[in-house]
């Protein structure tokens, strides 16, 4: 009977030690700024739209497009090498289409862009 109580106490003590170690590890990861806890960085939509607008060939439009004419994917994570396209819809005439596509590539993890 005494051996069963001793065994039960040992199992409980080991379980509590494991739980304490896990809690300590999690706390250290939070305080150290683990990448799993940091929020994902995304591109600034207004700055992206302005950069795309500055890269558009004005000959494609009857009148210059505005920032409201630019549509890009939302919440684009800042990851080096990621590529996507933005569309610029403006006013065209018989000689110009009024549409343009701009290919965007994120060059590095700082959010530097290559437009073309």
N, C-alpha and C. Protein backbone atom coordinates (compact mmCIF):
# COMPACT_ATOMS: atom_id res chain seq x y z
N UNK A 1 0.82 -1.19 0.00
CA UNK A 1 0.00 0.00 0.00
C UNK A 1 0.87 1.26 0.00
N UNK A 2 1.94 1.23 0.75
CA UNK A 2 2.83 2.37 0.81
C UNK A 2 3.55 2.55 -0.52
N UNK A 3 3.88 1.45 -1.21
CA UNK A 3 4.56 1.54 -2.50
C UNK A 3 3.67 2.19 -3.56
N UNK A 4 2.36 1.93 -3.52
CA UNK A 4 1.44 2.53 -4.49
C UNK A 4 1.35 4.04 -4.28
N UNK A 5 1.32 4.48 -3.02
CA UNK A 5 1.25 5.92 -2.75
C UNK A 5 2.56 6.60 -3.19
N UNK A 6 3.65 5.95 -2.92
CA UNK A 6 4.94 6.50 -3.30
C UNK A 6 5.04 6.62 -4.83
N UNK A 7 4.59 5.60 -5.53
CA UNK A 7 4.61 5.62 -7.00
C UNK A 7 3.72 6.73 -7.54
N UNK A 8 2.53 6.88 -6.96
CA UNK A 8 1.59 7.92 -7.40
C UNK A 8 2.18 9.31 -7.18
N UNK A 9 2.82 9.52 -6.04
CA UNK A 9 3.45 10.82 -5.75
C UNK A 9 4.59 11.09 -6.74
N UNK A 10 5.35 10.07 -7.08
CA UNK A 10 6.45 10.23 -8.03
C UNK A 10 5.93 10.61 -9.42
N UNK A 11 4.87 9.95 -9.87
CA UNK A 11 4.27 10.26 -11.17
C UNK A 11 3.74 11.69 -11.18
N UNK A 12 3.07 12.10 -10.13
CA UNK A 12 2.53 13.46 -10.05
C UNK A 12 3.66 14.48 -10.05
N UNK A 13 4.72 14.21 -9.29
CA UNK A 13 5.85 15.13 -9.22
C UNK A 13 6.53 15.27 -10.59
N UNK A 14 6.71 14.17 -11.32
CA UNK A 14 7.30 14.22 -12.65
C UNK A 14 6.40 14.98 -13.64
N UNK A 15 5.09 14.76 -13.54
CA UNK A 15 4.15 15.47 -14.42
C UNK A 15 4.21 16.97 -14.19
N UNK A 16 4.27 17.38 -12.93
CA UNK A 16 4.35 18.81 -12.61
C UNK A 16 5.67 19.41 -13.11
N UNK A 17 6.75 18.65 -13.02
CA UNK A 17 8.04 19.13 -13.50
C UNK A 17 8.02 19.33 -15.02
N UNK A 18 7.40 18.40 -15.74
CA UNK A 18 7.30 18.54 -17.20
C UNK A 18 6.47 19.75 -17.56
N UNK A 19 5.35 19.95 -16.89
CA UNK A 19 4.48 21.11 -17.17
C UNK A 19 5.23 22.41 -16.88
N UNK A 20 5.98 22.45 -15.78
CA UNK A 20 6.74 23.65 -15.43
C UNK A 20 7.81 23.94 -16.49
N UNK A 21 8.48 22.91 -17.00
CA UNK A 21 9.50 23.11 -18.04
C UNK A 21 8.87 23.64 -19.33
N UNK A 22 7.73 23.11 -19.69
CA UNK A 22 7.04 23.58 -20.90
C UNK A 22 6.62 25.04 -20.75
N UNK A 23 6.07 25.40 -19.60
CA UNK A 23 5.65 26.78 -19.35
C UNK A 23 6.85 27.72 -19.38
N UNK A 24 7.97 27.31 -18.82
CA UNK A 24 9.18 28.12 -18.81
C UNK A 24 9.71 28.30 -20.24
N UNK A 25 9.73 27.25 -21.03
CA UNK A 25 10.19 27.33 -22.41
C UNK A 25 9.32 28.28 -23.23
N UNK A 26 8.01 28.18 -23.07
CA UNK A 26 7.08 29.05 -23.79
C UNK A 26 7.30 30.51 -23.40
N UNK A 27 7.48 30.77 -22.12
CA UNK A 27 7.70 32.13 -21.64
C UNK A 27 9.00 32.71 -22.21
N UNK A 28 10.04 31.91 -22.24
CA UNK A 28 11.32 32.37 -22.80
C UNK A 28 11.17 32.67 -24.29
N UNK A 29 10.44 31.84 -25.02
CA UNK A 29 10.22 32.09 -26.44
C UNK A 29 9.46 33.40 -26.66
N UNK A 30 8.47 33.67 -25.83
CA UNK A 30 7.72 34.92 -25.96
C UNK A 30 8.60 36.13 -25.69
N UNK A 31 9.41 36.06 -24.64
CA UNK A 31 10.26 37.18 -24.29
C UNK A 31 11.39 37.39 -25.29
N UNK A 32 11.87 36.32 -25.91
CA UNK A 32 12.97 36.42 -26.87
C UNK A 32 12.49 36.89 -28.24
N UNK A 33 11.18 36.94 -28.46
CA UNK A 33 10.65 37.38 -29.75
C UNK A 33 10.76 36.30 -30.80
N UNK A 34 10.31 35.15 -30.51
CA UNK A 34 10.35 34.04 -31.45
C UNK A 34 9.64 34.42 -32.74
N UNK A 35 10.18 34.01 -33.91
CA UNK A 35 9.54 34.35 -35.18
C UNK A 35 8.10 33.85 -35.28
N UNK A 36 7.78 32.79 -34.57
CA UNK A 36 6.43 32.25 -34.64
C UNK A 36 5.42 33.19 -33.97
N UNK A 37 5.90 34.08 -33.11
CA UNK A 37 5.00 34.96 -32.37
C UNK A 37 4.92 36.34 -33.01
N UNK A 38 5.93 36.73 -33.78
CA UNK A 38 5.94 38.05 -34.38
C UNK A 38 4.92 38.13 -35.51
N UNK A 39 4.21 39.25 -35.64
CA UNK A 39 3.23 39.37 -36.72
C UNK A 39 3.92 39.44 -38.08
N UNK A 40 3.21 38.95 -39.09
CA UNK A 40 3.76 38.95 -40.44
C UNK A 40 3.69 40.36 -41.02
N UNK A 41 4.77 40.80 -41.66
CA UNK A 41 4.83 42.12 -42.26
C UNK A 41 4.21 42.06 -43.64
N UNK A 42 3.42 43.09 -43.97
CA UNK A 42 2.79 43.18 -45.29
C UNK A 42 3.13 44.53 -45.91
N UNK A 43 3.02 44.60 -47.24
CA UNK A 43 3.32 45.84 -47.95
C UNK A 43 2.25 46.90 -47.66
N UNK A 44 2.69 48.14 -47.60
CA UNK A 44 1.78 49.28 -47.45
C UNK A 44 1.05 49.48 -48.77
N UNK A 45 -0.27 49.38 -48.74
CA UNK A 45 -1.06 49.43 -49.98
C UNK A 45 -0.97 50.78 -50.68
N UNK A 46 -0.97 51.88 -49.91
CA UNK A 46 -0.90 53.20 -50.54
C UNK A 46 0.46 53.43 -51.21
N UNK A 47 1.53 53.05 -50.53
CA UNK A 47 2.86 53.21 -51.11
C UNK A 47 3.02 52.33 -52.35
N UNK A 48 2.48 51.12 -52.29
CA UNK A 48 2.53 50.22 -53.44
C UNK A 48 1.78 50.82 -54.62
N UNK A 49 0.58 51.35 -54.37
CA UNK A 49 -0.22 51.95 -55.45
C UNK A 49 0.49 53.15 -56.06
N UNK A 50 1.14 53.97 -55.23
CA UNK A 50 1.88 55.12 -55.76
C UNK A 50 3.06 54.68 -56.62
N UNK A 51 3.77 53.64 -56.17
CA UNK A 51 4.91 53.13 -56.94
C UNK A 51 4.45 52.57 -58.29
N UNK A 52 3.34 51.85 -58.29
CA UNK A 52 2.80 51.29 -59.53
C UNK A 52 2.36 52.42 -60.46
N UNK A 53 1.70 53.42 -59.91
CA UNK A 53 1.22 54.55 -60.72
C UNK A 53 2.39 55.31 -61.36
N UNK A 54 3.49 55.44 -60.63
CA UNK A 54 4.67 56.13 -61.17
C UNK A 54 5.35 55.32 -62.28
N UNK A 55 5.09 54.02 -62.32
CA UNK A 55 5.74 53.14 -63.30
C UNK A 55 4.91 52.96 -64.57
N UNK A 56 3.68 53.45 -64.58
CA UNK A 56 2.77 53.25 -65.71
C UNK A 56 3.13 54.18 -66.86
N UNK A 57 3.03 53.64 -68.07
CA UNK A 57 3.26 54.43 -69.28
C UNK A 57 2.02 55.28 -69.55
N UNK A 58 2.17 56.58 -69.52
CA UNK A 58 1.01 57.47 -69.67
C UNK A 58 0.40 57.41 -71.07
N UNK A 59 1.11 56.83 -72.05
CA UNK A 59 0.58 56.74 -73.41
C UNK A 59 -0.59 55.74 -73.48
N UNK A 60 -0.74 54.89 -72.47
CA UNK A 60 -1.84 53.93 -72.45
C UNK A 60 -3.17 54.55 -72.03
N UNK A 61 -3.15 55.83 -71.66
CA UNK A 61 -4.34 56.46 -71.09
C UNK A 61 -4.64 57.79 -71.78
N UNK A 62 -5.91 58.07 -71.94
CA UNK A 62 -6.33 59.35 -72.51
C UNK A 62 -6.10 60.47 -71.51
N UNK A 63 -6.34 60.19 -70.24
CA UNK A 63 -6.01 61.14 -69.18
C UNK A 63 -5.26 60.37 -68.10
N UNK A 64 -4.35 61.01 -67.38
CA UNK A 64 -3.53 60.30 -66.39
C UNK A 64 -4.39 59.63 -65.32
N UNK A 65 -4.09 58.37 -65.00
CA UNK A 65 -4.85 57.67 -63.96
C UNK A 65 -4.50 58.21 -62.58
N UNK A 66 -5.38 57.95 -61.63
CA UNK A 66 -5.16 58.37 -60.24
C UNK A 66 -4.86 57.14 -59.39
N UNK A 67 -4.54 57.38 -58.14
CA UNK A 67 -4.23 56.27 -57.22
C UNK A 67 -5.44 55.36 -57.02
N UNK A 68 -6.65 55.91 -57.21
CA UNK A 68 -7.87 55.11 -57.07
C UNK A 68 -8.05 54.12 -58.23
N UNK A 69 -7.33 54.34 -59.33
CA UNK A 69 -7.42 53.46 -60.50
C UNK A 69 -6.53 52.23 -60.38
N UNK A 70 -5.68 52.16 -59.34
CA UNK A 70 -4.73 51.06 -59.17
C UNK A 70 -5.36 50.00 -58.28
N UNK A 71 -5.30 48.74 -58.73
CA UNK A 71 -5.77 47.62 -57.89
C UNK A 71 -4.68 46.56 -57.82
N UNK A 72 -4.26 46.27 -56.58
CA UNK A 72 -3.23 45.27 -56.30
C UNK A 72 -3.80 44.27 -55.31
N UNK A 73 -3.23 43.07 -55.24
CA UNK A 73 -3.68 42.12 -54.22
C UNK A 73 -3.52 42.71 -52.82
N UNK A 74 -4.43 42.37 -51.93
CA UNK A 74 -4.41 42.91 -50.56
C UNK A 74 -3.51 42.07 -49.66
N UNK A 75 -2.95 42.70 -48.67
CA UNK A 75 -2.14 42.05 -47.63
C UNK A 75 -1.06 41.14 -48.19
N UNK A 76 -0.17 41.71 -48.97
CA UNK A 76 0.91 40.93 -49.57
C UNK A 76 2.06 40.83 -48.56
N UNK A 77 2.40 39.60 -48.13
CA UNK A 77 3.51 39.44 -47.17
C UNK A 77 4.84 39.87 -47.79
N UNK A 78 5.69 40.50 -46.97
CA UNK A 78 7.00 40.93 -47.42
C UNK A 78 7.93 39.72 -47.40
N UNK A 79 8.10 39.09 -48.55
CA UNK A 79 8.97 37.93 -48.72
C UNK A 79 9.80 38.15 -49.97
N UNK A 80 11.11 38.06 -49.84
CA UNK A 80 12.00 38.26 -50.99
C UNK A 80 11.66 37.28 -52.10
N UNK A 81 11.56 37.78 -53.32
CA UNK A 81 11.29 36.94 -54.48
C UNK A 81 9.82 36.80 -54.84
N UNK A 82 8.91 37.25 -54.00
CA UNK A 82 7.47 37.14 -54.29
C UNK A 82 7.14 38.06 -55.47
N UNK A 83 6.36 37.54 -56.41
CA UNK A 83 5.95 38.30 -57.59
C UNK A 83 4.43 38.35 -57.68
N UNK A 84 3.91 39.46 -58.17
CA UNK A 84 2.47 39.62 -58.39
C UNK A 84 2.27 40.74 -59.39
N UNK A 85 1.03 40.92 -59.83
CA UNK A 85 0.72 41.97 -60.80
C UNK A 85 -0.34 42.91 -60.24
N UNK A 86 -0.22 44.17 -60.60
CA UNK A 86 -1.22 45.18 -60.26
C UNK A 86 -1.82 45.70 -61.55
N UNK A 87 -3.10 46.01 -61.51
CA UNK A 87 -3.81 46.50 -62.69
C UNK A 87 -4.15 47.97 -62.49
N UNK A 88 -3.97 48.74 -63.56
CA UNK A 88 -4.34 50.15 -63.55
C UNK A 88 -5.44 50.33 -64.59
N UNK A 89 -6.62 50.73 -64.15
CA UNK A 89 -7.75 51.00 -65.04
C UNK A 89 -7.97 52.50 -65.09
N UNK A 90 -7.92 53.04 -66.27
CA UNK A 90 -8.14 54.47 -66.44
C UNK A 90 -9.02 54.71 -67.65
N UNK A 91 -8.96 55.91 -68.16
CA UNK A 91 -9.78 56.29 -69.31
C UNK A 91 -8.96 56.12 -70.58
N UNK A 92 -9.51 55.40 -71.53
CA UNK A 92 -8.85 55.23 -72.82
C UNK A 92 -9.65 55.93 -73.91
N UNK A 93 -9.06 55.99 -75.07
CA UNK A 93 -9.77 56.52 -76.23
C UNK A 93 -9.48 55.60 -77.42
N UNK A 94 -9.71 56.06 -78.61
CA UNK A 94 -9.49 55.22 -79.78
C UNK A 94 -8.04 54.77 -79.95
N UNK A 95 -7.10 55.55 -79.46
CA UNK A 95 -5.69 55.23 -79.63
C UNK A 95 -5.08 54.55 -78.40
N UNK A 96 -5.72 54.65 -77.26
CA UNK A 96 -5.16 54.07 -76.04
C UNK A 96 -6.18 53.18 -75.36
N UNK A 97 -5.69 52.14 -74.71
CA UNK A 97 -6.59 51.14 -74.13
C UNK A 97 -7.19 51.57 -72.80
N UNK A 98 -6.47 52.33 -72.03
CA UNK A 98 -6.96 52.71 -70.70
C UNK A 98 -6.70 51.64 -69.65
N UNK A 99 -5.93 50.62 -70.01
CA UNK A 99 -5.59 49.54 -69.07
C UNK A 99 -4.08 49.31 -69.09
N UNK A 100 -3.55 48.96 -67.94
CA UNK A 100 -2.13 48.61 -67.87
C UNK A 100 -1.92 47.61 -66.74
N UNK A 101 -1.02 46.68 -66.96
CA UNK A 101 -0.61 45.71 -65.94
C UNK A 101 0.84 46.00 -65.59
N UNK A 102 1.13 46.04 -64.30
CA UNK A 102 2.49 46.27 -63.84
C UNK A 102 2.93 45.07 -63.01
N UNK A 103 4.03 44.44 -63.44
CA UNK A 103 4.56 43.29 -62.71
C UNK A 103 5.44 43.82 -61.57
N UNK A 104 5.20 43.32 -60.36
CA UNK A 104 5.92 43.77 -59.17
C UNK A 104 6.64 42.57 -58.56
N UNK A 105 7.90 42.79 -58.19
CA UNK A 105 8.67 41.74 -57.51
C UNK A 105 9.29 42.34 -56.26
N UNK A 106 9.16 41.64 -55.14
CA UNK A 106 9.76 42.09 -53.89
C UNK A 106 11.22 41.64 -53.91
N UNK A 107 12.16 42.61 -53.86
CA UNK A 107 13.58 42.28 -53.99
C UNK A 107 14.20 41.73 -52.72
N UNK A 108 13.80 42.24 -51.55
CA UNK A 108 14.41 41.78 -50.30
C UNK A 108 13.40 41.84 -49.16
N UNK A 109 13.83 41.41 -47.97
CA UNK A 109 12.92 41.35 -46.83
C UNK A 109 12.63 42.73 -46.24
N UNK A 110 13.23 43.78 -46.80
CA UNK A 110 12.94 45.14 -46.35
C UNK A 110 11.78 45.74 -47.13
N UNK A 111 11.30 45.06 -48.17
CA UNK A 111 10.17 45.53 -48.95
C UNK A 111 10.55 46.35 -50.17
N UNK A 112 11.84 46.33 -50.56
CA UNK A 112 12.24 47.03 -51.79
C UNK A 112 11.61 46.33 -52.99
N UNK A 113 11.10 47.13 -53.93
CA UNK A 113 10.35 46.58 -55.05
C UNK A 113 11.09 46.77 -56.37
N UNK A 114 10.83 45.85 -57.28
CA UNK A 114 11.27 45.95 -58.66
C UNK A 114 10.00 45.98 -59.51
N UNK A 115 9.80 47.05 -60.25
CA UNK A 115 8.59 47.21 -61.05
C UNK A 115 8.92 47.12 -62.52
N UNK A 116 8.04 46.49 -63.27
CA UNK A 116 8.32 46.40 -64.69
C UNK A 116 7.22 45.81 -65.49
